[in-house]
Amino acid sequence: KIYLNCRDLSELIQKEINDQNSNKLL
């Protein structure tokens, strides 16, 4: 529930995941 409790951190985590996935074949 980190999105509810710490939205800024949640958005930063999602950005990091998106950046990682952009270099992956999924």
PDB file of all heavy atoms in Angstrom:
ATOM      1  N   LYS A   1       0.823  -1.206   0.000  1.00  0.00           N
ATOM      2  CA  LYS A   1       0.000   0.000   0.000  1.00  0.00           C
ATOM      3  C   LYS A   1       0.862   1.263   0.000  1.00  0.00           C
ATOM      4  O   LYS A   1       0.452   2.310   0.490  1.00  0.00           O
ATOM      5  CB  LYS A   1      -0.920  -0.003   1.220  1.00  0.00           C
ATOM      6  CG  LYS A   1      -1.909  -1.153   1.219  1.00  0.00           C
ATOM      7  CD  LYS A   1      -2.807  -1.115   2.437  1.00  0.00           C
ATOM      8  CE  LYS A   1      -3.800  -2.283   2.420  1.00  0.00           C
ATOM      9  NZ  LYS A   1      -4.665  -2.303   3.614  1.00  0.00           N
ATOM     10  N   ILE A   2       2.058   1.135  -0.546  1.00  0.00           N
ATOM     11  CA  ILE A   2       2.990   2.271  -0.511  1.00  0.00           C
ATOM     12  C   ILE A   2       2.467   3.446  -1.326  1.00  0.00           C
ATOM     13  O   ILE A   2       2.801   4.604  -1.062  1.00  0.00           O
ATOM     14  CB  ILE A   2       4.382   1.827  -1.002  1.00  0.00           C
ATOM     15  CG1 ILE A   2       5.439   2.805  -0.492  1.00  0.00           C
ATOM     16  CG2 ILE A   2       4.429   1.695  -2.515  1.00  0.00           C
ATOM     17  CD1 ILE A   2       6.855   2.313  -0.645  1.00  0.00           C
ATOM     18  N   TYR A   3       1.630   3.173  -2.321  1.00  0.00           N
ATOM     19  CA  TYR A   3       1.059   4.263  -3.112  1.00  0.00           C
ATOM     20  C   TYR A   3       0.175   5.151  -2.243  1.00  0.00           C
ATOM     21  O   TYR A   3       0.146   6.375  -2.396  1.00  0.00           O
ATOM     22  CB  TYR A   3       0.243   3.706  -4.277  1.00  0.00           C
ATOM     23  CG  TYR A   3      -0.386   4.794  -5.134  1.00  0.00           C
ATOM     24  CD1 TYR A   3       0.377   5.480  -6.087  1.00  0.00           C
ATOM     25  CD2 TYR A   3      -1.722   5.147  -4.968  1.00  0.00           C
ATOM     26  CE1 TYR A   3      -0.187   6.490  -6.859  1.00  0.00           C
ATOM     27  CE2 TYR A   3      -2.290   6.156  -5.737  1.00  0.00           C
ATOM     28  CZ  TYR A   3      -1.519   6.819  -6.678  1.00  0.00           C
ATOM     29  OH  TYR A   3      -2.077   7.816  -7.428  1.00  0.00           O
ATOM     30  N   LEU A   4      -0.556   4.528  -1.312  1.00  0.00           N
ATOM     31  CA  LEU A   4      -1.439   5.291  -0.427  1.00  0.00           C
ATOM     32  C   LEU A   4      -0.656   6.020   0.651  1.00  0.00           C
ATOM     33  O   LEU A   4      -1.014   7.129   1.042  1.00  0.00           O
ATOM     34  CB  LEU A   4      -2.468   4.348   0.222  1.00  0.00           C
ATOM     35  CG  LEU A   4      -3.420   3.612  -0.727  1.00  0.00           C
ATOM     36  CD1 LEU A   4      -4.273   2.631   0.046  1.00  0.00           C
ATOM     37  CD2 LEU A   4      -4.299   4.613  -1.473  1.00  0.00           C
ATOM     38  N   ASN A   5       0.403   5.381   1.135  1.00  0.00           N
ATOM     39  CA  ASN A   5       1.127   5.931   2.277  1.00  0.00           C
ATOM     40  C   ASN A   5       2.302   6.827   1.892  1.00  0.00           C
ATOM     41  O   ASN A   5       2.752   7.644   2.703  1.00  0.00           O
ATOM     42  CB  ASN A   5       1.638   4.785   3.156  1.00  0.00           C
ATOM     43  CG  ASN A   5       0.496   3.940   3.698  1.00  0.00           C
ATOM     44  OD1 ASN A   5      -0.556   4.454   4.038  1.00  0.00           O
ATOM     45  ND2 ASN A   5       0.700   2.632   3.760  1.00  0.00           N
ATOM     46  N   CYS A   6       2.813   6.662   0.689  1.00  0.00           N
ATOM     47  CA  CYS A   6       3.965   7.469   0.258  1.00  0.00           C
ATOM     48  C   CYS A   6       3.928   7.567  -1.267  1.00  0.00           C
ATOM     49  O   CYS A   6       4.641   6.851  -1.961  1.00  0.00           O
ATOM     50  CB  CYS A   6       5.268   6.838   0.735  1.00  0.00           C
ATOM     51  SG  CYS A   6       6.720   7.852   0.414  1.00  0.00           S
ATOM     52  N   ARG A   7       3.100   8.450  -1.749  1.00  0.00           N
ATOM     53  CA  ARG A   7       2.850   8.532  -3.187  1.00  0.00           C
ATOM     54  C   ARG A   7       4.100   8.904  -3.978  1.00  0.00           C
ATOM     55  O   ARG A   7       4.347   8.364  -5.059  1.00  0.00           O
ATOM     56  CB  ARG A   7       1.737   9.541  -3.454  1.00  0.00           C
ATOM     57  CG  ARG A   7       1.340   9.621  -4.916  1.00  0.00           C
ATOM     58  CD  ARG A   7       0.071  10.406  -5.120  1.00  0.00           C
ATOM     59  NE  ARG A   7      -0.315  10.441  -6.509  1.00  0.00           N
ATOM     60  CZ  ARG A   7      -1.463  10.960  -6.947  1.00  0.00           C
ATOM     61  NH1 ARG A   7      -2.309  11.462  -6.075  1.00  0.00           N
ATOM     62  NH2 ARG A   7      -1.752  10.968  -8.229  1.00  0.00           N
ATOM     63  N   ASP A   8       4.902   9.831  -3.464  1.00  0.00           N
ATOM     64  CA  ASP A   8       6.111  10.259  -4.175  1.00  0.00           C
ATOM     65  C   ASP A   8       7.077   9.092  -4.384  1.00  0.00           C
ATOM     66  O   ASP A   8       7.661   8.941  -5.462  1.00  0.00           O
ATOM     67  CB  ASP A   8       6.814  11.379  -3.406  1.00  0.00           C
ATOM     68  CG  ASP A   8       6.030  12.679  -3.443  1.00  0.00           C
ATOM     69  OD1 ASP A   8       5.142  12.807  -4.306  1.00  0.00           O
ATOM     70  OD2 ASP A   8       6.292  13.566  -2.611  1.00  0.00           O
ATOM     71  N   LEU A   9       7.237   8.280  -3.334  1.00  0.00           N
ATOM     72  CA  LEU A   9       8.132   7.129  -3.438  1.00  0.00           C
ATOM     73  C   LEU A   9       7.557   6.098  -4.398  1.00  0.00           C
ATOM     74  O   LEU A   9       8.285   5.497  -5.190  1.00  0.00           O
ATOM     75  CB  LEU A   9       8.353   6.503  -2.057  1.00  0.00           C
ATOM     76  CG  LEU A   9       9.286   5.283  -2.015  1.00  0.00           C
ATOM     77  CD1 LEU A   9      10.662   5.639  -2.558  1.00  0.00           C
ATOM     78  CD2 LEU A   9       9.404   4.752  -0.587  1.00  0.00           C
ATOM     79  N   SER A  10       6.249   5.905  -4.331  1.00  0.00           N
ATOM     80  CA  SER A  10       5.596   4.946  -5.228  1.00  0.00           C
ATOM     81  C   SER A  10       5.805   5.326  -6.687  1.00  0.00           C
ATOM     82  O   SER A  10       6.104   4.477  -7.532  1.00  0.00           O
ATOM     83  CB  SER A  10       4.096   4.889  -4.912  1.00  0.00           C
ATOM     84  OG  SER A  10       3.412   4.092  -5.854  1.00  0.00           O
ATOM     85  N   GLU A  11       5.674   6.601  -7.002  1.00  0.00           N
ATOM     86  CA  GLU A  11       5.844   7.060  -8.380  1.00  0.00           C
ATOM     87  C   GLU A  11       7.291   6.903  -8.826  1.00  0.00           C
ATOM     88  O   GLU A  11       7.563   6.570  -9.985  1.00  0.00           O
ATOM     89  CB  GLU A  11       5.402   8.518  -8.484  1.00  0.00           C
ATOM     90  CG  GLU A  11       3.894   8.700  -8.308  1.00  0.00           C
ATOM     91  CD  GLU A  11       3.473  10.149  -8.346  1.00  0.00           C
ATOM     92  OE1 GLU A  11       4.379  11.033  -8.314  1.00  0.00           O
ATOM     93  OE2 GLU A  11       2.263  10.418  -8.404  1.00  0.00           O
ATOM     94  N   LEU A  12       8.218   7.118  -7.900  1.00  0.00           N
ATOM     95  CA  LEU A  12       9.633   6.963  -8.227  1.00  0.00           C
ATOM     96  C   LEU A  12       9.973   5.491  -8.479  1.00  0.00           C
ATOM     97  O   LEU A  12      10.766   5.163  -9.370  1.00  0.00           O
ATOM     98  CB  LEU A  12      10.488   7.514  -7.086  1.00  0.00           C
ATOM     99  CG  LEU A  12      11.924   7.943  -7.434  1.00  0.00           C
ATOM    100  CD1 LEU A  12      11.921   8.988  -8.540  1.00  0.00           C
ATOM    101  CD2 LEU A  12      12.611   8.501  -6.199  1.00  0.00           C
ATOM    102  N   ILE A  13       9.369   4.587  -7.681  1.00  0.00           N
ATOM    103  CA  ILE A  13       9.570   3.152  -7.875  1.00  0.00           C
ATOM    104  C   ILE A  13       9.033   2.724  -9.239  1.00  0.00           C
ATOM    105  O   ILE A  13       9.677   1.974  -9.975  1.00  0.00           O
ATOM    106  CB  ILE A  13       8.873   2.344  -6.758  1.00  0.00           C
ATOM    107  CG1 ILE A  13       9.588   2.558  -5.427  1.00  0.00           C
ATOM    108  CG2 ILE A  13       8.829   0.859  -7.102  1.00  0.00           C
ATOM    109  CD1 ILE A  13       8.861   1.943  -4.240  1.00  0.00           C
ATOM    110  N   GLN A  14       7.836   3.217  -9.581  1.00  0.00           N
ATOM    111  CA  GLN A  14       7.238   2.862 -10.867  1.00  0.00           C
ATOM    112  C   GLN A  14       8.083   3.365 -12.030  1.00  0.00           C
ATOM    113  O   GLN A  14       8.240   2.679 -13.045  1.00  0.00           O
ATOM    114  CB  GLN A  14       5.823   3.441 -10.969  1.00  0.00           C
ATOM    115  CG  GLN A  14       5.038   2.957 -12.183  1.00  0.00           C
ATOM    116  CD  GLN A  14       4.904   1.440 -12.215  1.00  0.00           C
ATOM    117  OE1 GLN A  14       4.451   0.834 -11.260  1.00  0.00           O
ATOM    118  NE2 GLN A  14       5.304   0.827 -13.315  1.00  0.00           N
ATOM    119  N   LYS A  15       8.649   4.551 -11.881  1.00  0.00           N
ATOM    120  CA  LYS A  15       9.517   5.099 -12.931  1.00  0.00           C
ATOM    121  C   LYS A  15      10.758   4.238 -13.115  1.00  0.00           C
ATOM    122  O   LYS A  15      11.182   3.965 -14.249  1.00  0.00           O
ATOM    123  CB  LYS A  15       9.928   6.528 -12.584  1.00  0.00           C
ATOM    124  CG  LYS A  15      10.798   7.196 -13.662  1.00  0.00           C
ATOM    125  CD  LYS A  15      11.184   8.592 -13.259  1.00  0.00           C
ATOM    126  CE  LYS A  15      11.992   9.273 -14.377  1.00  0.00           C
ATOM    127  NZ  LYS A  15      13.188   8.524 -14.757  1.00  0.00           N
ATOM    128  N   GLU A  16      11.330   3.789 -11.999  1.00  0.00           N
ATOM    129  CA  GLU A  16      12.518   2.944 -12.078  1.00  0.00           C
ATOM    130  C   GLU A  16      12.187   1.622 -12.767  1.00  0.00           C
ATOM    131  O   GLU A  16      12.964   1.128 -13.588  1.00  0.00           O
ATOM    132  CB  GLU A  16      13.083   2.678 -10.679  1.00  0.00           C
ATOM    133  CG  GLU A  16      14.371   1.883 -10.705  1.00  0.00           C
ATOM    134  CD  GLU A  16      14.971   1.674  -9.318  1.00  0.00           C
ATOM    135  OE1 GLU A  16      14.468   2.265  -8.343  1.00  0.00           O
ATOM    136  OE2 GLU A  16      15.948   0.902  -9.211  1.00  0.00           O
ATOM    137  N   ILE A  17      11.036   1.062 -12.438  1.00  0.00           N
ATOM    138  CA  ILE A  17      10.604  -0.191 -13.066  1.00  0.00           C
ATOM    139  C   ILE A  17      10.405   0.002 -14.570  1.00  0.00           C
ATOM    140  O   ILE A  17      10.820  -0.825 -15.383  1.00  0.00           O
ATOM    141  CB  ILE A  17       9.306  -0.709 -12.418  1.00  0.00           C
ATOM    142  CG1 ILE A  17       9.579  -1.148 -10.976  1.00  0.00           C
ATOM    143  CG2 ILE A  17       8.722  -1.872 -13.220  1.00  0.00           C
ATOM    144  CD1 ILE A  17       8.337  -1.521 -10.207  1.00  0.00           C
ATOM    145  N   ASN A  18       9.760   1.114 -14.923  1.00  0.00           N
ATOM    146  CA  ASN A  18       9.516   1.393 -16.345  1.00  0.00           C
ATOM    147  C   ASN A  18      10.827   1.568 -17.106  1.00  0.00           C
ATOM    148  O   ASN A  18      10.959   1.104 -18.248  1.00  0.00           O
ATOM    149  CB  ASN A  18       8.654   2.643 -16.492  1.00  0.00           C
ATOM    150  CG  ASN A  18       7.235   2.436 -15.993  1.00  0.00           C
ATOM    151  OD1 ASN A  18       6.775   1.310 -15.870  1.00  0.00           O
ATOM    152  ND2 ASN A  18       6.544   3.517 -15.692  1.00  0.00           N
ATOM    153  N   ASP A  19      11.780   2.241 -16.468  1.00  0.00           N
ATOM    154  CA  ASP A  19      13.080   2.448 -17.110  1.00  0.00           C
ATOM    155  C   ASP A  19      13.794   1.113 -17.326  1.00  0.00           C
ATOM    156  O   ASP A  19      14.434   0.896 -18.366  1.00  0.00           O
ATOM    157  CB  ASP A  19      13.957   3.370 -16.260  1.00  0.00           C
ATOM    158  CG  ASP A  19      13.455   4.813 -16.278  1.00  0.00           C
ATOM    159  OD1 ASP A  19      12.645   5.143 -17.161  1.00  0.00           O
ATOM    160  OD2 ASP A  19      13.854   5.589 -15.382  1.00  0.00           O
ATOM    161  N   GLN A  20      13.698   0.234 -16.339  1.00  0.00           N
ATOM    162  CA  GLN A  20      14.331  -1.077 -16.459  1.00  0.00           C
ATOM    163  C   GLN A  20      13.664  -1.911 -17.540  1.00  0.00           C
ATOM    164  O   GLN A  20      14.330  -2.569 -18.349  1.00  0.00           O
ATOM    165  CB  GLN A  20      14.273  -1.808 -15.119  1.00  0.00           C
ATOM    166  CG  GLN A  20      15.162  -1.204 -14.044  1.00  0.00           C
ATOM    167  CD  GLN A  20      14.998  -1.908 -12.708  1.00  0.00           C
ATOM    168  OE1 GLN A  20      14.039  -2.635 -12.475  1.00  0.00           O
ATOM    169  NE2 GLN A  20      15.949  -1.684 -11.811  1.00  0.00           N
ATOM    170  N   ASN A  21      12.331  -1.874 -17.553  1.00  0.00           N
ATOM    171  CA  ASN A  21      11.589  -2.689 -18.510  1.00  0.00           C
ATOM    172  C   ASN A  21      11.751  -2.202 -19.950  1.00  0.00           C
ATOM    173  O   ASN A  21      11.562  -2.971 -20.904  1.00  0.00           O
ATOM    174  CB  ASN A  21      10.102  -2.715 -18.152  1.00  0.00           C
ATOM    175  CG  ASN A  21       9.827  -3.547 -16.910  1.00  0.00           C
ATOM    176  OD1 ASN A  21      10.656  -4.364 -16.512  1.00  0.00           O
ATOM    177  ND2 ASN A  21       8.676  -3.346 -16.303  1.00  0.00           N
ATOM    178  N   SER A  22      12.090  -0.910 -20.107  1.00  0.00           N
ATOM    179  CA  SER A  22      12.241  -0.374 -21.454  1.00  0.00           C
ATOM    180  C   SER A  22      13.422  -1.026 -22.184  1.00  0.00           C
ATOM    181  O   SER A  22      13.481  -1.013 -23.416  1.00  0.00           O
ATOM    182  CB  SER A  22      12.441   1.144 -21.392  1.00  0.00           C
ATOM    183  OG  SER A  22      13.660   1.464 -20.737  1.00  0.00           O
ATOM    184  N   ASN A  23      14.332  -1.591 -21.431  1.00  0.00           N
ATOM    185  CA  ASN A  23      15.497  -2.252 -22.028  1.00  0.00           C
ATOM    186  C   ASN A  23      15.337  -3.774 -22.060  1.00  0.00           C
ATOM    187  O   ASN A  23      16.283  -4.486 -22.384  1.00  0.00           O
ATOM    188  CB  ASN A  23      16.764  -1.893 -21.237  1.00  0.00           C
ATOM    189  CG  ASN A  23      17.059  -0.406 -21.281  1.00  0.00           C
ATOM    190  OD1 ASN A  23      16.898   0.222 -22.320  1.00  0.00           O
ATOM    191  ND2 ASN A  23      17.489   0.153 -20.157  1.00  0.00           N
ATOM    192  N   LYS A  24      14.148  -4.244 -21.718  1.00  0.00           N
ATOM    193  CA  LYS A  24      13.923  -5.679 -21.677  1.00  0.00           C
ATOM    194  C   LYS A  24      12.954  -6.109 -22.771  1.00  0.00           C
ATOM    195  O   LYS A  24      12.102  -5.325 -23.227  1.00  0.00           O
ATOM    196  CB  LYS A  24      13.331  -6.099 -20.320  1.00  0.00           C
ATOM    197  CG  LYS A  24      14.261  -5.880 -19.139  1.00  0.00           C
ATOM    198  CD  LYS A  24      13.566  -6.280 -17.844  1.00  0.00           C
ATOM    199  CE  LYS A  24      14.473  -6.070 -16.646  1.00  0.00           C
ATOM    200  NZ  LYS A  24      13.790  -6.433 -15.372  1.00  0.00           N
ATOM    201  N   LEU A  25      13.085  -7.350 -23.175  1.00  0.00           N
ATOM    202  CA  LEU A  25      12.118  -7.941 -24.086  1.00  0.00           C
ATOM    203  C   LEU A  25      11.083  -8.666 -23.230  1.00  0.00           C
ATOM    204  O   LEU A  25      11.407  -9.656 -22.564  1.00  0.00           O
ATOM    205  CB  LEU A  25      12.811  -8.919 -25.042  1.00  0.00           C
ATOM    206  CG  LEU A  25      13.793  -8.297 -26.038  1.00  0.00           C
ATOM    207  CD1 LEU A  25      14.514  -9.389 -26.823  1.00  0.00           C
ATOM    208  CD2 LEU A  25      13.081  -7.342 -26.987  1.00  0.00           C
ATOM    209  N   LEU A  26       9.865  -8.156 -23.239  1.00  0.00           N
ATOM    210  CA  LEU A  26       8.812  -8.730 -22.407  1.00  0.00           C
ATOM    211  C   LEU A  26       7.627  -9.153 -23.267  1.00  0.00           C
ATOM    212  O   LEU A  26       7.292  -8.488 -24.248  1.00  0.00           O
ATOM    213  CB  LEU A  26       8.341  -7.716 -21.351  1.00  0.00           C
ATOM    214  CG  LEU A  26       9.381  -7.191 -20.365  1.00  0.00           C
ATOM    215  CD1 LEU A  26       8.781  -6.097 -19.487  1.00  0.00           C
ATOM    216  CD2 LEU A  26       9.914  -8.323 -19.498  1.00  0.00           C
TER     217      LEU A  26
END
